[in-house]
Amino acid sequence: MIGGQDEDSCGKSGTGETPLAHTRRGGSPTARGQRRLARALIAVSHAVQLLYLIC
């Protein structure tokens, strides 16, 4: 058999993306969740700084 368990003969998983594309966008759900949380915290931080500048 060619490829992994969840891959077809072209190396694509059932989600319609190649393993390389999966790695490029961050791979694990945990890593994506951490980046999402970091972006949210940065957005809140910027909003608070803006409020302090206005007041």
N, C-alpha and C. Protein backbone atom coordinates (compact mmCIF):
# COMPACT_ATOMS: atom_id res chain seq x y z
N MET A 1 0.84 -1.19 0.00
CA MET A 1 0.00 0.00 0.00
C MET A 1 0.88 1.25 0.00
N ILE A 2 0.50 2.24 -0.77
CA ILE A 2 1.25 3.49 -0.86
C ILE A 2 0.60 4.50 0.07
N GLY A 3 1.43 5.28 0.79
CA GLY A 3 0.89 6.31 1.66
C GLY A 3 0.45 5.75 3.01
N GLY A 4 -0.15 6.63 3.81
CA GLY A 4 -0.60 6.24 5.14
C GLY A 4 -1.97 5.61 5.12
N GLN A 5 -2.46 5.34 6.29
CA GLN A 5 -3.75 4.68 6.42
C GLN A 5 -4.89 5.52 5.85
N ASP A 6 -4.86 6.81 6.10
CA ASP A 6 -5.96 7.68 5.69
C ASP A 6 -5.70 8.39 4.36
N GLU A 7 -4.77 7.89 3.58
CA GLU A 7 -4.43 8.55 2.32
C GLU A 7 -4.81 7.67 1.14
N ASP A 8 -5.12 8.34 0.03
CA ASP A 8 -5.33 7.59 -1.20
C ASP A 8 -3.99 7.47 -1.93
N SER A 9 -3.98 6.98 -3.15
CA SER A 9 -2.73 6.76 -3.87
C SER A 9 -2.01 8.06 -4.24
N CYS A 10 -2.71 9.19 -4.18
CA CYS A 10 -2.09 10.49 -4.49
C CYS A 10 -1.50 11.15 -3.25
N GLY A 11 -1.66 10.54 -2.08
CA GLY A 11 -1.12 11.12 -0.86
C GLY A 11 -2.05 12.12 -0.22
N LYS A 12 -3.30 12.15 -0.62
CA LYS A 12 -4.25 13.10 -0.06
C LYS A 12 -5.11 12.42 1.00
N SER A 13 -5.39 13.16 2.05
CA SER A 13 -6.26 12.63 3.08
C SER A 13 -7.71 12.84 2.67
N GLY A 14 -8.63 12.34 3.44
CA GLY A 14 -10.05 12.48 3.14
C GLY A 14 -10.54 13.91 3.24
N THR A 15 -9.74 14.81 3.83
CA THR A 15 -10.17 16.21 3.98
C THR A 15 -9.91 17.01 2.71
N GLY A 16 -9.28 16.41 1.70
CA GLY A 16 -9.06 17.11 0.45
C GLY A 16 -7.78 17.94 0.43
N GLU A 17 -6.88 17.73 1.39
CA GLU A 17 -5.63 18.47 1.38
C GLU A 17 -4.46 17.50 1.46
N THR A 18 -3.34 17.94 0.95
CA THR A 18 -2.15 17.10 1.00
C THR A 18 -1.53 17.19 2.40
N PRO A 19 -0.73 16.21 2.78
CA PRO A 19 -0.07 16.30 4.09
C PRO A 19 0.81 17.54 4.23
N LEU A 20 1.43 17.99 3.13
CA LEU A 20 2.26 19.19 3.18
C LEU A 20 1.41 20.42 3.50
N ALA A 21 0.25 20.54 2.89
CA ALA A 21 -0.64 21.67 3.17
C ALA A 21 -1.09 21.64 4.62
N HIS A 22 -1.34 20.46 5.15
CA HIS A 22 -1.75 20.31 6.54
C HIS A 22 -0.64 20.81 7.47
N THR A 23 0.60 20.48 7.16
CA THR A 23 1.74 20.91 7.97
C THR A 23 1.94 22.42 7.86
N ARG A 24 1.79 22.97 6.67
CA ARG A 24 2.01 24.41 6.48
C ARG A 24 1.04 25.25 7.29
N ARG A 25 -0.19 24.79 7.46
CA ARG A 25 -1.15 25.62 8.18
C ARG A 25 -1.15 25.36 9.67
N GLY A 26 -0.25 24.54 10.14
CA GLY A 26 -0.10 24.41 11.58
C GLY A 26 -0.30 23.02 12.11
N GLY A 27 -0.84 22.12 11.36
CA GLY A 27 -0.96 20.74 11.79
C GLY A 27 -2.02 20.48 12.83
N SER A 28 -1.63 20.43 14.08
CA SER A 28 -2.52 19.96 15.12
C SER A 28 -3.58 20.99 15.52
N PRO A 29 -4.74 20.52 15.94
CA PRO A 29 -5.77 21.44 16.44
C PRO A 29 -5.30 22.25 17.64
N THR A 30 -4.45 21.66 18.47
CA THR A 30 -3.93 22.37 19.64
C THR A 30 -3.12 23.58 19.22
N ALA A 31 -2.25 23.41 18.22
CA ALA A 31 -1.43 24.52 17.75
C ALA A 31 -2.31 25.63 17.16
N ARG A 32 -3.32 25.23 16.39
CA ARG A 32 -4.22 26.24 15.81
C ARG A 32 -4.99 26.97 16.90
N GLY A 33 -5.41 26.26 17.93
CA GLY A 33 -6.14 26.88 19.03
C GLY A 33 -5.28 27.87 19.80
N GLN A 34 -4.02 27.52 19.98
CA GLN A 34 -3.12 28.42 20.69
C GLN A 34 -2.89 29.69 19.89
N ARG A 35 -2.73 29.56 18.58
CA ARG A 35 -2.55 30.77 17.76
C ARG A 35 -3.81 31.62 17.77
N ARG A 36 -4.97 30.99 17.74
CA ARG A 36 -6.23 31.73 17.76
C ARG A 36 -6.36 32.51 19.06
N LEU A 37 -6.02 31.87 20.18
CA LEU A 37 -6.07 32.53 21.48
C LEU A 37 -5.09 33.69 21.54
N ALA A 38 -3.89 33.50 21.01
CA ALA A 38 -2.89 34.56 21.00
C ALA A 38 -3.37 35.76 20.19
N ARG A 39 -4.00 35.50 19.02
CA ARG A 39 -4.53 36.61 18.21
C ARG A 39 -5.63 37.35 18.96
N ALA A 40 -6.48 36.62 19.67
CA ALA A 40 -7.56 37.25 20.43
C ALA A 40 -7.00 38.11 21.55
N LEU A 41 -5.99 37.61 22.25
CA LEU A 41 -5.38 38.38 23.34
C LEU A 41 -4.70 39.64 22.81
N ILE A 42 -4.07 39.55 21.66
CA ILE A 42 -3.43 40.72 21.06
C ILE A 42 -4.49 41.76 20.68
N ALA A 43 -5.61 41.30 20.14
CA ALA A 43 -6.68 42.22 19.75
C ALA A 43 -7.24 42.93 20.98
N VAL A 44 -7.42 42.21 22.07
CA VAL A 44 -7.92 42.82 23.31
C VAL A 44 -6.91 43.82 23.85
N SER A 45 -5.65 43.45 23.81
CA SER A 45 -4.59 44.34 24.28
C SER A 45 -4.57 45.64 23.48
N HIS A 46 -4.71 45.54 22.17
CA HIS A 46 -4.72 46.74 21.32
C HIS A 46 -5.95 47.60 21.62
N ALA A 47 -7.09 46.97 21.86
CA ALA A 47 -8.30 47.72 22.17
C ALA A 47 -8.15 48.48 23.49
N VAL A 48 -7.56 47.83 24.48
CA VAL A 48 -7.35 48.49 25.78
C VAL A 48 -6.39 49.65 25.63
N GLN A 49 -5.32 49.48 24.88
CA GLN A 49 -4.37 50.57 24.67
C GLN A 49 -5.03 51.74 23.97
N LEU A 50 -5.90 51.46 23.03
CA LEU A 50 -6.61 52.51 22.31
C LEU A 50 -7.52 53.27 23.25
N LEU A 51 -8.20 52.56 24.15
CA LEU A 51 -9.08 53.22 25.12
C LEU A 51 -8.29 54.13 26.04
N TYR A 52 -7.11 53.69 26.46
CA TYR A 52 -6.28 54.53 27.32
C TYR A 52 -5.81 55.78 26.60
N LEU A 53 -5.54 55.67 25.31
CA LEU A 53 -5.11 56.84 24.53
C LEU A 53 -6.25 57.85 24.38
N ILE A 54 -7.47 57.34 24.25
CA ILE A 54 -8.62 58.22 24.06
C ILE A 54 -8.96 58.96 25.35
N CYS A 55 -8.82 58.30 26.50
CA CYS A 55 -9.20 58.90 27.79
C CYS A 55 -8.18 59.85 28.33
